[in-house]
């Protein structure tokens, strides 16, 4: 897969990684949204994708994919220490969550906000 890393959108503990135009999004549960929580936060400081027009969210067993036909905004729902809002250009993206190793639990888990 040929990904231009300068087009990856990092927002806190998540990244939106653009998919090449020729790559198909895997089949999965498809829903249309104008607002979608890309990453939930246990403290309520979600990372939310917002648009004036519908975009598709495809969820397969392992990943979440976003298909945007128009620009959207990735917003950090927090009143202090906020990640800047990012503009997400039209295209196909896979959502990647950062992970960390917990020596106490001896597991790899998603980074929590």
Protein backbone atom coordinates (compact mmCIF):
# COMPACT_ATOMS: atom_id res chain seq x y z
CA UNK A 1 0.00 0.00 0.00
CA UNK A 2 1.44 3.37 -1.03
CA UNK A 3 0.52 5.92 1.65
CA UNK A 4 1.84 9.46 1.69
CA UNK A 5 2.64 9.97 5.36
CA UNK A 6 2.42 13.74 5.05
CA UNK A 7 -1.33 13.27 4.43
CA UNK A 8 -1.90 11.26 7.63
CA UNK A 9 -4.03 13.23 10.08
CA UNK A 10 -2.97 12.77 13.69
CA UNK A 11 -5.38 13.94 16.40
CA UNK A 12 -4.37 12.93 19.90
CA UNK A 13 -4.36 9.14 20.20
CA UNK A 14 -5.87 8.53 16.75
CA UNK A 15 -4.72 8.83 13.17
CA UNK A 16 -6.75 8.99 9.96
CA UNK A 17 -4.67 7.25 7.32
CA UNK A 18 -5.68 7.94 3.70
CA UNK A 19 -6.20 4.95 1.46
CA UNK A 20 -5.04 4.93 -2.17
CA UNK A 21 -7.83 5.66 -4.66
CA UNK A 22 -7.50 2.19 -6.18
CA UNK A 23 -7.92 0.44 -2.81
CA UNK A 24 -11.41 -0.75 -1.94
CA UNK A 25 -12.80 -0.35 1.55
CA UNK A 26 -13.57 -3.80 3.02
CA UNK A 27 -17.19 -4.82 3.30
CA UNK A 28 -18.81 -4.19 6.64
CA UNK A 29 -21.61 -2.39 8.41
CA UNK A 30 -22.22 0.91 6.57
CA UNK A 31 -23.89 3.97 8.08
CA UNK A 32 -24.23 7.59 6.96
CA UNK A 33 -23.44 10.40 9.37
CA UNK A 34 -22.93 14.14 9.51
CA UNK A 35 -21.27 13.70 12.91
CA UNK A 36 -19.42 10.61 14.15
CA UNK A 37 -17.32 9.96 17.24
CA UNK A 38 -14.10 8.57 15.77
CA UNK A 39 -12.53 7.95 19.19
CA UNK A 40 -14.44 7.73 22.44
CA UNK A 41 -12.88 9.13 25.58
CA UNK A 42 -13.56 7.79 29.04
CA UNK A 43 -13.57 11.41 30.24
CA UNK A 44 -16.04 12.59 27.56
CA UNK A 45 -13.42 14.38 25.46
CA UNK A 46 -14.27 12.58 22.23
CA UNK A 47 -12.65 13.08 18.83
CA UNK A 48 -15.59 13.80 16.54
CA UNK A 49 -15.74 14.07 12.75
CA UNK A 50 -18.28 16.71 11.63
CA UNK A 51 -19.52 17.64 8.17
CA UNK A 52 -22.31 19.66 6.55
CA UNK A 53 -23.06 16.68 4.31
CA UNK A 54 -23.39 12.95 4.95
CA UNK A 55 -20.28 10.78 4.88
CA UNK A 56 -20.03 7.00 5.14
CA UNK A 57 -18.65 5.06 8.08
CA UNK A 58 -17.80 1.44 7.35
CA UNK A 59 -17.06 -0.86 10.27
CA UNK A 60 -15.69 -4.32 9.67
CA UNK A 61 -14.58 -6.74 12.38
CA UNK A 62 -11.28 -4.96 13.06
CA UNK A 63 -11.26 -1.45 11.63
CA UNK A 64 -13.31 1.67 11.02
CA UNK A 65 -13.19 3.32 7.60
CA UNK A 66 -14.41 6.78 6.61
CA UNK A 67 -15.52 7.77 3.10
CA UNK A 68 -15.86 11.52 2.61
CA UNK A 69 -17.15 13.24 -0.52
CA UNK A 70 -16.65 16.73 0.95
CA UNK A 71 -14.33 18.29 3.54
CA UNK A 72 -15.05 17.58 7.21
CA UNK A 73 -13.63 18.77 10.53
CA UNK A 74 -12.05 16.56 13.18
CA UNK A 75 -12.89 18.23 16.50
CA UNK A 76 -11.68 17.52 20.04
CA UNK A 77 -14.70 17.81 22.33
CA UNK A 78 -12.87 19.42 25.23
CA UNK A 79 -12.82 22.90 26.79
CA UNK A 80 -9.14 22.94 27.85
CA UNK A 81 -5.88 21.46 26.56
CA UNK A 82 -7.62 20.89 23.22
CA UNK A 83 -6.09 19.26 20.14
CA UNK A 84 -6.52 21.75 17.28
CA UNK A 85 -9.40 21.10 14.89
CA UNK A 86 -8.14 19.46 11.70
CA UNK A 87 -9.61 19.69 8.22
CA UNK A 88 -10.13 16.28 6.61
CA UNK A 89 -10.16 16.36 2.81
CA UNK A 90 -12.46 14.19 0.68
CA UNK A 91 -11.24 10.62 0.36
CA UNK A 92 -11.12 7.23 2.03
CA UNK A 93 -9.47 6.78 5.43
CA UNK A 94 -8.81 4.02 7.94
CA UNK A 95 -8.90 5.00 11.61
CA UNK A 96 -5.82 3.87 13.57
CA UNK A 97 -5.74 3.99 17.38
CA UNK A 98 -2.38 4.30 19.12
CA UNK A 99 -1.53 1.40 21.41
CA UNK A 100 0.64 0.99 24.48
CA UNK A 101 2.03 -1.92 26.44
CA UNK A 102 0.92 -2.30 30.06
CA UNK A 103 3.59 -4.21 32.02
CA UNK A 104 1.24 -4.54 35.02
CA UNK A 105 -1.42 -6.29 32.91
CA UNK A 106 1.05 -7.74 30.36
CA UNK A 107 -1.19 -6.65 27.47
CA UNK A 108 -1.14 -4.25 24.56
CA UNK A 109 -4.12 -1.89 24.70
CA UNK A 110 -5.42 1.27 23.06
CA UNK A 111 -4.10 4.54 24.46
CA UNK A 112 -6.84 6.20 26.47
CA UNK A 113 -7.56 9.93 26.51
